Amino acid sequence: MHTVLKVKDVTKTYKRQGNPALNRVSFEAKEGEFLGIMGASGSGKTTLLNVLSTIDRPDRGEIFIHNINVPKLNHAQAADFRKRNLGFIFQEYFLLDSLTVRENIAVPLTLLHWTAEEIERETEALAEAFEISSQLEKYPSELSGGQCQRAAAARAMVKRPPLIFADEPTGALDSGSSRDLMTALANVNQRSGTTILMVTHDPYAASYTDRILYFKDGCIHAALERNGQEWGDFYECILRETARQDKKR
């Protein structure tokens, strides 16, 4: 598997902060990898997402996505790069209330001028993968929170981007809805080969990933790999490591 994301010596400091929000961060993510990012508030997780997704620029360092050094892109190039190559899942769904679920999922493909036949095929395939096929003609106001988040995840993945950024996707969900979302997301990840980078505070959500990077004070402080472990065993490892990290604060 080739490297989709390569981060090298990335540093970001905000004027109001004395210490860097990110301090010489380096790591890679392979094609099809599900990578988790964990850490306390203020550890650098949000800043990391912002600079990786071209929303913000690092002060120093390189970020390669499919061999493109994205901090070198100008604003117009960065916007076009996001539209074509990146998908986003947020804690809030950001579905358009005036559109049906089908139309919401199809928005990225419409913006890319896909044909009607292609849009229908991909929309229905992702709706089936996220188990919301029966909700396609409904509006977001008619769905549960879990269904809305699965629709948002389908929208993020419908154009089959090489890289998905997920920011606390289970943060507003109950345990059952979180399980449904993470199960579907992991299944689609395995089938599609899309790389997912997910920021989460939730050990349960993190247990669906392949690898976890723990951030502290803008640095990668520890790493944890699944290494073929079953879900329950990896979940227990995450709980132990998270408790260990909490004691070091």
C-alpha atoms as a PDB file:
ATOM      1  CA  MET A   1       0.000   0.000   0.000  1.00  0.00           C
ATOM      2  CA  HIS A   2       1.314   3.420  -0.898  1.00  0.00           C
ATOM      3  CA  THR A   3       1.459   6.442   1.378  1.00  0.00           C
ATOM      4  CA  VAL A   4      -1.549   8.766   1.042  1.00  0.00           C
ATOM      5  CA  LEU A   5      -0.574  11.280   3.723  1.00  0.00           C
ATOM      6  CA  LYS A   6       2.957  12.249   4.755  1.00  0.00           C
ATOM      7  CA  VAL A   7       3.488  14.830   7.501  1.00  0.00           C
ATOM      8  CA  LYS A   8       7.057  15.994   8.124  1.00  0.00           C
ATOM      9  CA  ASP A   9       8.225  18.338  10.906  1.00  0.00           C
ATOM     10  CA  VAL A  10       4.998  20.361  10.926  1.00  0.00           C
ATOM     11  CA  THR A  11       4.959  23.267  13.369  1.00  0.00           C
ATOM     12  CA  LYS A  12       2.179  25.790  13.986  1.00  0.00           C
ATOM     13  CA  THR A  13       2.196  28.605  16.548  1.00  0.00           C
ATOM     14  CA  TYR A  14      -0.602  31.108  17.144  1.00  0.00           C
ATOM     15  CA  LYS A  15       0.292  34.649  18.185  1.00  0.00           C
ATOM     16  CA  ARG A  16      -1.691  34.502  21.417  1.00  0.00           C
ATOM     17  CA  GLN A  17       0.007  31.294  22.527  1.00  0.00           C
ATOM     18  CA  GLY A  18       3.526  31.061  23.849  1.00  0.00           C
ATOM     19  CA  ASN A  19       3.993  27.398  22.993  1.00  0.00           C
ATOM     20  CA  PRO A  20       3.442  25.825  19.557  1.00  0.00           C
ATOM     21  CA  ALA A  21       0.024  24.281  18.924  1.00  0.00           C
ATOM     22  CA  LEU A  22       1.936  21.735  16.818  1.00  0.00           C
ATOM     23  CA  ASN A  23       5.624  21.105  17.408  1.00  0.00           C
ATOM     24  CA  ARG A  24       7.579  19.255  14.693  1.00  0.00           C
ATOM     25  CA  VAL A  25       4.876  16.644  14.102  1.00  0.00           C
ATOM     26  CA  SER A  26       5.762  13.816  11.709  1.00  0.00           C
ATOM     27  CA  PHE A  27       3.812  10.705  10.690  1.00  0.00           C
ATOM     28  CA  GLU A  28       2.429   8.875   7.658  1.00  0.00           C
ATOM     29  CA  ALA A  29      -0.879   7.248   6.758  1.00  0.00           C
ATOM     30  CA  LYS A  30      -1.160   4.459   4.200  1.00  0.00           C
ATOM     31  CA  GLU A  31      -3.862   3.839   1.639  1.00  0.00           C
ATOM     32  CA  GLY A  32      -6.903   2.325   3.349  1.00  0.00           C
ATOM     33  CA  GLU A  33      -5.645   3.005   6.873  1.00  0.00           C
ATOM     34  CA  PHE A  34      -8.086   4.085   9.590  1.00  0.00           C
ATOM     35  CA  LEU A  35      -6.013   6.356  11.826  1.00  0.00           C
ATOM     36  CA  GLY A  36      -7.224   7.723  15.160  1.00  0.00           C
ATOM     37  CA  ILE A  37      -6.008  10.917  16.836  1.00  0.00           C
ATOM     38  CA  MET A  38      -6.560  11.230  20.592  1.00  0.00           C
ATOM     39  CA  GLY A  39      -5.484  13.622  23.317  1.00  0.00           C
ATOM     40  CA  ALA A  40      -6.742  16.110  25.874  1.00  0.00           C
ATOM     41  CA  SER A  41      -8.284  19.463  24.945  1.00  0.00           C
ATOM     42  CA  GLY A  42      -5.546  21.795  23.779  1.00  0.00           C
ATOM     43  CA  SER A  43      -3.202  18.990  22.771  1.00  0.00           C
ATOM     44  CA  GLY A  44      -3.144  20.040  19.106  1.00  0.00           C
ATOM     45  CA  LYS A  45      -5.784  17.766  17.557  1.00  0.00           C
ATOM     46  CA  THR A  46      -7.930  20.516  16.024  1.00  0.00           C
ATOM     47  CA  THR A  47      -4.922  22.445  14.758  1.00  0.00           C
ATOM     48  CA  LEU A  48      -3.657  19.251  13.153  1.00  0.00           C
ATOM     49  CA  LEU A  49      -6.935  18.760  11.285  1.00  0.00           C
ATOM     50  CA  ASN A  50      -6.945  22.373  10.145  1.00  0.00           C
ATOM     51  CA  VAL A  51      -3.453  22.289   8.651  1.00  0.00           C
ATOM     52  CA  LEU A  52      -3.846  18.834   7.107  1.00  0.00           C
ATOM     53  CA  SER A  53      -7.127  19.768   5.437  1.00  0.00           C
ATOM     54  CA  THR A  54      -5.721  23.034   3.958  1.00  0.00           C
ATOM     55  CA  ILE A  55      -8.008  25.172   6.152  1.00  0.00           C
ATOM     56  CA  ASP A  56      -4.898  26.646   7.807  1.00  0.00           C
ATOM     57  CA  ARG A  57      -1.199  26.696   6.954  1.00  0.00           C
ATOM     58  CA  PRO A  58       1.672  25.445   9.099  1.00  0.00           C
ATOM     59  CA  ASP A  59       4.522  27.795   9.947  1.00  0.00           C
ATOM     60  CA  ARG A  60       7.062  25.137   9.005  1.00  0.00           C
ATOM     61  CA  GLY A  61       7.114  21.616   7.664  1.00  0.00           C
ATOM     62  CA  GLU A  62       5.638  19.668   4.779  1.00  0.00           C
ATOM     63  CA  ILE A  63       2.288  17.949   4.265  1.00  0.00           C
ATOM     64  CA  PHE A  64       2.056  15.682   1.241  1.00  0.00           C
ATOM     65  CA  ILE A  65      -1.294  14.257   0.154  1.00  0.00           C
ATOM     66  CA  HIS A  66      -0.839  12.040  -2.897  1.00  0.00           C
ATOM     67  CA  ASN A  67       2.598  13.620  -3.402  1.00  0.00           C
ATOM     68  CA  ILE A  68       1.189  17.164  -3.462  1.00  0.00           C
ATOM     69  CA  ASN A  69       2.729  19.508  -0.887  1.00  0.00           C
ATOM     70  CA  VAL A  70      -0.568  21.122   0.106  1.00  0.00           C
ATOM     71  CA  PRO A  71       0.804  24.080   2.131  1.00  0.00           C
ATOM     72  CA  LYS A  72       2.305  25.338  -1.134  1.00  0.00           C
ATOM     73  CA  LEU A  73      -1.126  25.646  -2.781  1.00  0.00           C
ATOM     74  CA  ASN A  74      -2.678  29.096  -3.059  1.00  0.00           C
ATOM     75  CA  HIS A  75      -6.217  29.674  -1.765  1.00  0.00           C
ATOM     76  CA  ALA A  76      -7.939  28.845  -5.052  1.00  0.00           C
ATOM     77  CA  GLN A  77      -5.823  25.741  -5.590  1.00  0.00           C
ATOM     78  CA  ALA A  78      -6.428  24.606  -1.999  1.00  0.00           C
ATOM     79  CA  ALA A  79     -10.196  25.012  -2.387  1.00  0.00           C
ATOM     80  CA  ASP A  80     -10.179  22.970  -5.592  1.00  0.00           C
ATOM     81  CA  PHE A  81      -7.961  20.340  -3.964  1.00  0.00           C
ATOM     82  CA  ARG A  82     -10.392  19.991  -1.025  1.00  0.00           C
ATOM     83  CA  LYS A  83     -13.354  19.677  -3.368  1.00  0.00           C
ATOM     84  CA  ARG A  84     -11.772  16.884  -5.402  1.00  0.00           C
ATOM     85  CA  ASN A  85      -9.634  14.962  -2.936  1.00  0.00           C
ATOM     86  CA  LEU A  86     -10.916  15.362   0.630  1.00  0.00           C
ATOM     87  CA  GLY A  87     -14.050  14.398   2.523  1.00  0.00           C
ATOM     88  CA  PHE A  88     -15.181  15.767   5.870  1.00  0.00           C
ATOM     89  CA  ILE A  89     -17.333  14.378   8.688  1.00  0.00           C
ATOM     90  CA  PHE A  90     -18.026  16.723  11.595  1.00  0.00           C
ATOM     91  CA  GLN A  91     -19.710  16.370  14.963  1.00  0.00           C
ATOM     92  CA  GLU A  92     -22.559  18.481  13.576  1.00  0.00           C
ATOM     93  CA  TYR A  93     -24.202  16.994  10.500  1.00  0.00           C
ATOM     94  CA  PHE A  94     -24.395  20.155   8.337  1.00  0.00           C
ATOM     95  CA  LEU A  95     -27.082  18.626   6.146  1.00  0.00           C
ATOM     96  CA  LEU A  96     -29.139  21.074   4.088  1.00  0.00           C
ATOM     97  CA  ASP A  97     -32.664  21.109   5.523  1.00  0.00           C
ATOM     98  CA  SER A  98     -34.255  22.011   2.180  1.00  0.00           C
ATOM     99  CA  LEU A  99     -32.811  18.942   0.432  1.00  0.00           C
ATOM    100  CA  THR A 100     -33.755  15.296   0.780  1.00  0.00           C
ATOM    101  CA  VAL A 101     -31.225  12.819   2.105  1.00  0.00           C
ATOM    102  CA  ARG A 102     -30.608  11.651  -1.468  1.00  0.00           C
ATOM    103  CA  GLU A 103     -29.938  15.214  -2.606  1.00  0.00           C
ATOM    104  CA  ASN A 104     -27.689  15.928   0.382  1.00  0.00           C
ATOM    105  CA  ILE A 105     -25.528  12.887  -0.304  1.00  0.00           C
ATOM    106  CA  ALA A 106     -25.300  13.845  -3.979  1.00  0.00           C
ATOM    107  CA  VAL A 107     -24.118  17.433  -3.402  1.00  0.00           C
ATOM    108  CA  PRO A 108     -20.358  16.706  -3.834  1.00  0.00           C
ATOM    109  CA  LEU A 109     -20.998  14.848  -7.092  1.00  0.00           C
ATOM    110  CA  THR A 110     -23.221  17.627  -8.412  1.00  0.00           C
ATOM    111  CA  LEU A 111     -20.462  20.154  -7.727  1.00  0.00           C
ATOM    112  CA  LEU A 112     -18.046  17.933  -9.661  1.00  0.00           C
ATOM    113  CA  HIS A 113     -20.497  17.722 -12.595  1.00  0.00           C
ATOM    114  CA  TRP A 114     -20.969  13.965 -12.535  1.00  0.00           C
ATOM    115  CA  THR A 115     -23.698  12.606 -14.798  1.00  0.00           C
ATOM    116  CA  ALA A 116     -27.166  11.900 -13.416  1.00  0.00           C
ATOM    117  CA  GLU A 117     -26.612   8.166 -13.877  1.00  0.00           C
ATOM    118  CA  GLU A 118     -23.298   8.247 -12.002  1.00  0.00           C
ATOM    119  CA  ILE A 119     -24.808  10.316  -9.200  1.00  0.00           C
ATOM    120  CA  GLU A 120     -27.729   7.925  -8.767  1.00  0.00           C
ATOM    121  CA  ARG A 121     -25.470   4.868  -8.737  1.00  0.00           C
ATOM    122  CA  GLU A 122     -22.995   6.244  -6.201  1.00  0.00           C
ATOM    123  CA  THR A 123     -25.652   7.795  -3.972  1.00  0.00           C
ATOM    124  CA  GLU A 124     -27.608   4.569  -3.700  1.00  0.00           C
ATOM    125  CA  ALA A 125     -24.454   2.515  -3.124  1.00  0.00           C
ATOM    126  CA  LEU A 126     -23.346   4.703  -0.204  1.00  0.00           C
ATOM    127  CA  ALA A 127     -26.862   4.878   1.221  1.00  0.00           C
ATOM    128  CA  GLU A 128     -26.962   1.081   1.254  1.00  0.00           C
ATOM    129  CA  ALA A 129     -23.507   0.891   2.854  1.00  0.00           C
ATOM    130  CA  PHE A 130     -24.607   3.231   5.658  1.00  0.00           C
ATOM    131  CA  GLU A 131     -28.015   1.535   5.967  1.00  0.00           C
ATOM    132  CA  ILE A 132     -30.125   4.584   5.135  1.00  0.00           C
ATOM    133  CA  SER A 133     -31.582   3.478   1.783  1.00  0.00           C
ATOM    134  CA  SER A 134     -35.106   3.678   3.206  1.00  0.00           C
ATOM    135  CA  GLN A 135     -34.497   7.304   4.244  1.00  0.00           C
ATOM    136  CA  LEU A 136     -33.364   8.681   0.880  1.00  0.00           C
ATOM    137  CA  GLU A 137     -36.556  10.582   0.072  1.00  0.00           C
ATOM    138  CA  LYS A 138     -36.921  12.031   3.563  1.00  0.00           C
ATOM    139  CA  TYR A 139     -35.645  15.364   4.826  1.00  0.00           C
ATOM    140  CA  PRO A 140     -33.072  15.730   7.634  1.00  0.00           C
ATOM    141  CA  SER A 141     -35.767  16.908  10.059  1.00  0.00           C
ATOM    142  CA  GLU A 142     -37.452  13.512   9.698  1.00  0.00           C
ATOM    143  CA  LEU A 143     -34.333  11.533  10.667  1.00  0.00           C
ATOM    144  CA  SER A 144     -32.794  10.606  13.995  1.00  0.00           C
ATOM    145  CA  GLY A 145     -29.406  12.029  14.948  1.00  0.00           C
ATOM    146  CA  GLY A 146     -27.711   8.761  14.120  1.00  0.00           C
ATOM    147  CA  GLN A 147     -29.336   8.597  10.693  1.00  0.00           C
ATOM    148  CA  CYS A 148     -28.317  12.200   9.981  1.00  0.00           C
ATOM    149  CA  GLN A 149     -24.712  11.429  10.858  1.00  0.00           C
ATOM    150  CA  ARG A 150     -24.686   8.348   8.640  1.00  0.00           C
ATOM    151  CA  ALA A 151     -26.078  10.490   5.816  1.00  0.00           C
ATOM    152  CA  ALA A 152     -23.299  13.012   6.441  1.00  0.00           C
ATOM    153  CA  ALA A 153     -20.723  10.217   6.353  1.00  0.00           C
ATOM    154  CA  ALA A 154     -22.176   8.918   3.086  1.00  0.00           C
ATOM    155  CA  ARG A 155     -21.963  12.423   1.635  1.00  0.00           C
ATOM    156  CA  ALA A 156     -18.290  12.654   2.660  1.00  0.00           C
ATOM    157  CA  MET A 157     -17.435   9.354   0.974  1.00  0.00           C
ATOM    158  CA  VAL A 158     -19.685   9.468  -2.087  1.00  0.00           C
ATOM    159  CA  LYS A 159     -17.036  10.976  -4.382  1.00  0.00           C
ATOM    160  CA  ARG A 160     -14.600   8.307  -3.140  1.00  0.00           C
ATOM    161  CA  PRO A 161     -11.898  10.717  -1.986  1.00  0.00           C
ATOM    162  CA  PRO A 162      -8.490   9.297  -1.109  1.00  0.00           C
ATOM    163  CA  LEU A 163      -8.635  10.913   2.346  1.00  0.00           C
ATOM    164  CA  ILE A 164     -11.435  11.547   4.864  1.00  0.00           C
ATOM    165  CA  PHE A 165     -11.106  13.800   7.909  1.00  0.00           C
ATOM    166  CA  ALA A 166     -13.552  12.990  10.720  1.00  0.00           C
ATOM    167  CA  ASP A 167     -13.753  15.394  13.674  1.00  0.00           C
ATOM    168  CA  GLU A 168     -15.488  13.809  16.702  1.00  0.00           C
ATOM    169  CA  PRO A 169     -18.104  12.107  14.483  1.00  0.00           C
ATOM    170  CA  THR A 170     -19.753  10.324  17.445  1.00  0.00           C
ATOM    171  CA  GLY A 171     -19.610  13.301  19.802  1.00  0.00           C
ATOM    172  CA  ALA A 172     -23.344  14.069  19.588  1.00  0.00           C
ATOM    173  CA  LEU A 173     -24.583  10.470  19.339  1.00  0.00           C
ATOM    174  CA  ASP A 174     -25.859   7.952  21.871  1.00  0.00           C
ATOM    175  CA  SER A 175     -24.069   4.638  22.276  1.00  0.00           C
ATOM    176  CA  GLY A 176     -26.282   2.723  19.851  1.00  0.00           C
ATOM    177  CA  SER A 177     -26.016   5.352  17.123  1.00  0.00           C
ATOM    178  CA  SER A 178     -22.250   5.552  17.677  1.00  0.00           C
ATOM    179  CA  ARG A 179     -21.952   1.803  17.199  1.00  0.00           C
ATOM    180  CA  ASP A 180     -24.017   1.893  13.991  1.00  0.00           C
ATOM    181  CA  LEU A 181     -21.965   4.748  12.549  1.00  0.00           C
ATOM    182  CA  MET A 182     -18.570   3.308  13.414  1.00  0.00           C
ATOM    183  CA  THR A 183     -19.474  -0.170  12.162  1.00  0.00           C
ATOM    184  CA  ALA A 184     -20.636   1.245   8.830  1.00  0.00           C
ATOM    185  CA  LEU A 185     -17.662   3.597   8.554  1.00  0.00           C
ATOM    186  CA  ALA A 186     -15.166   0.810   9.234  1.00  0.00           C
ATOM    187  CA  ASN A 187     -16.875  -1.489   6.718  1.00  0.00           C
ATOM    188  CA  VAL A 188     -16.868   1.162   3.982  1.00  0.00           C
ATOM    189  CA  ASN A 189     -13.242   1.971   4.801  1.00  0.00           C
ATOM    190  CA  GLN A 190     -12.234  -1.660   4.320  1.00  0.00           C
ATOM    191  CA  ARG A 191     -14.139  -2.026   1.056  1.00  0.00           C
ATOM    192  CA  SER A 192     -13.249   1.286  -0.563  1.00  0.00           C
ATOM    193  CA  GLY A 193      -9.624   1.670   0.495  1.00  0.00           C
ATOM    194  CA  THR A 194     -10.239   5.277   1.512  1.00  0.00           C
ATOM    195  CA  THR A 195      -7.865   6.522   4.205  1.00  0.00           C
ATOM    196  CA  ILE A 196      -9.632   7.962   7.266  1.00  0.00           C
ATOM    197  CA  LEU A 197      -8.081  10.227   9.880  1.00  0.00           C
ATOM    198  CA  MET A 198     -10.419  10.583  12.853  1.00  0.00           C
ATOM    199  CA  VAL A 199     -10.066  12.864  15.863  1.00  0.00           C
ATOM    200  CA  THR A 200     -11.958  11.479  18.849  1.00  0.00           C
ATOM    201  CA  HIS A 201     -12.008  11.575  22.639  1.00  0.00           C
ATOM    202  CA  ASP A 202     -14.048   8.360  22.737  1.00  0.00           C
ATOM    203  CA  PRO A 203     -12.131   5.090  23.311  1.00  0.00           C
ATOM    204  CA  TYR A 204     -15.084   3.147  21.893  1.00  0.00           C
ATOM    205  CA  ALA A 205     -14.963   5.016  18.570  1.00  0.00           C
ATOM    206  CA  ALA A 206     -11.170   4.741  18.541  1.00  0.00           C
ATOM    207  CA  SER A 207     -11.423   0.956  18.883  1.00  0.00           C
ATOM    208  CA  TYR A 208     -12.542   0.765  15.233  1.00  0.00           C
ATOM    209  CA  THR A 209      -9.278   2.258  13.971  1.00  0.00           C
ATOM    210  CA  ASP A 210      -6.074   0.511  12.901  1.00  0.00           C
ATOM    211  CA  ARG A 211      -3.729   2.816  14.777  1.00  0.00           C
ATOM    212  CA  ILE A 212      -3.953   5.658  17.289  1.00  0.00           C
ATOM    213  CA  LEU A 213      -1.641   8.619  17.806  1.00  0.00           C
ATOM    214  CA  TYR A 214      -1.876  10.291  21.214  1.00  0.00           C
ATOM    215  CA  PHE A 215      -1.157  14.031  21.201  1.00  0.00           C
ATOM    216  CA  LYS A 216       0.092  16.103  24.117  1.00  0.00           C
ATOM    217  CA  ASP A 217       1.375  19.690  24.036  1.00  0.00           C
ATOM    218  CA  GLY A 218       1.405  19.713  20.244  1.00  0.00           C
ATOM    219  CA  CYS A 219       3.505  16.557  19.916  1.00  0.00           C
ATOM    220  CA  ILE A 220       2.850  12.884  19.277  1.00  0.00           C
ATOM    221  CA  HIS A 221       3.315  11.512  22.777  1.00  0.00           C
ATOM    222  CA  ALA A 222       2.488   7.838  22.181  1.00  0.00           C
ATOM    223  CA  ALA A 223       1.153   5.444  19.542  1.00  0.00           C
ATOM    224  CA  LEU A 224      -0.973   2.322  19.713  1.00  0.00           C
ATOM    225  CA  GLU A 225      -1.487  -0.226  16.927  1.00  0.00           C
ATOM    226  CA  ARG A 226      -4.171  -2.859  16.527  1.00  0.00           C
ATOM    227  CA  ASN A 227      -1.773  -5.459  15.126  1.00  0.00           C
ATOM    228  CA  GLY A 228      -4.571  -7.870  14.282  1.00  0.00           C
ATOM    229  CA  GLN A 229      -6.251  -7.745  17.683  1.00  0.00           C
ATOM    230  CA  GLU A 230      -9.961  -8.413  17.958  1.00  0.00           C
ATOM    231  CA  TRP A 231     -12.165  -5.409  18.709  1.00  0.00           C
ATOM    232  CA  GLY A 232     -12.591  -6.161  22.417  1.00  0.00           C
ATOM    233  CA  ASP A 233      -8.877  -6.676  23.028  1.00  0.00           C
ATOM    234  CA  PHE A 234      -7.956  -3.471  21.216  1.00  0.00           C
ATOM    235  CA  TYR A 235     -10.639  -1.580  23.136  1.00  0.00           C
ATOM    236  CA  GLU A 236      -9.108  -2.743  26.428  1.00  0.00           C
ATOM    237  CA  CYS A 237      -5.666  -1.632  25.243  1.00  0.00           C
ATOM    238  CA  ILE A 238      -7.049   1.797  24.381  1.00  0.00           C
ATOM    239  CA  LEU A 239      -8.680   2.142  27.798  1.00  0.00           C
ATOM    240  CA  ARG A 240      -5.405   1.290  29.525  1.00  0.00           C
ATOM    241  CA  GLU A 241      -3.327   3.612  27.354  1.00  0.00           C
ATOM    242  CA  THR A 242      -5.829   6.458  27.691  1.00  0.00           C
ATOM    243  CA  ALA A 243      -5.790   6.086  31.481  1.00  0.00           C
ATOM    244  CA  ARG A 244      -1.989   6.084  31.409  1.00  0.00           C
ATOM    245  CA  GLN A 245      -1.946   9.247  29.309  1.00  0.00           C
ATOM    246  CA  ASP A 246      -4.435  10.936  31.652  1.00  0.00           C
ATOM    247  CA  LYS A 247      -2.134  10.299  34.615  1.00  0.00           C
ATOM    248  CA  LYS A 248       0.703  12.073  32.801  1.00  0.00           C
ATOM    249  CA  ARG A 249      -1.172  15.341  32.319  1.00  0.00           C
END
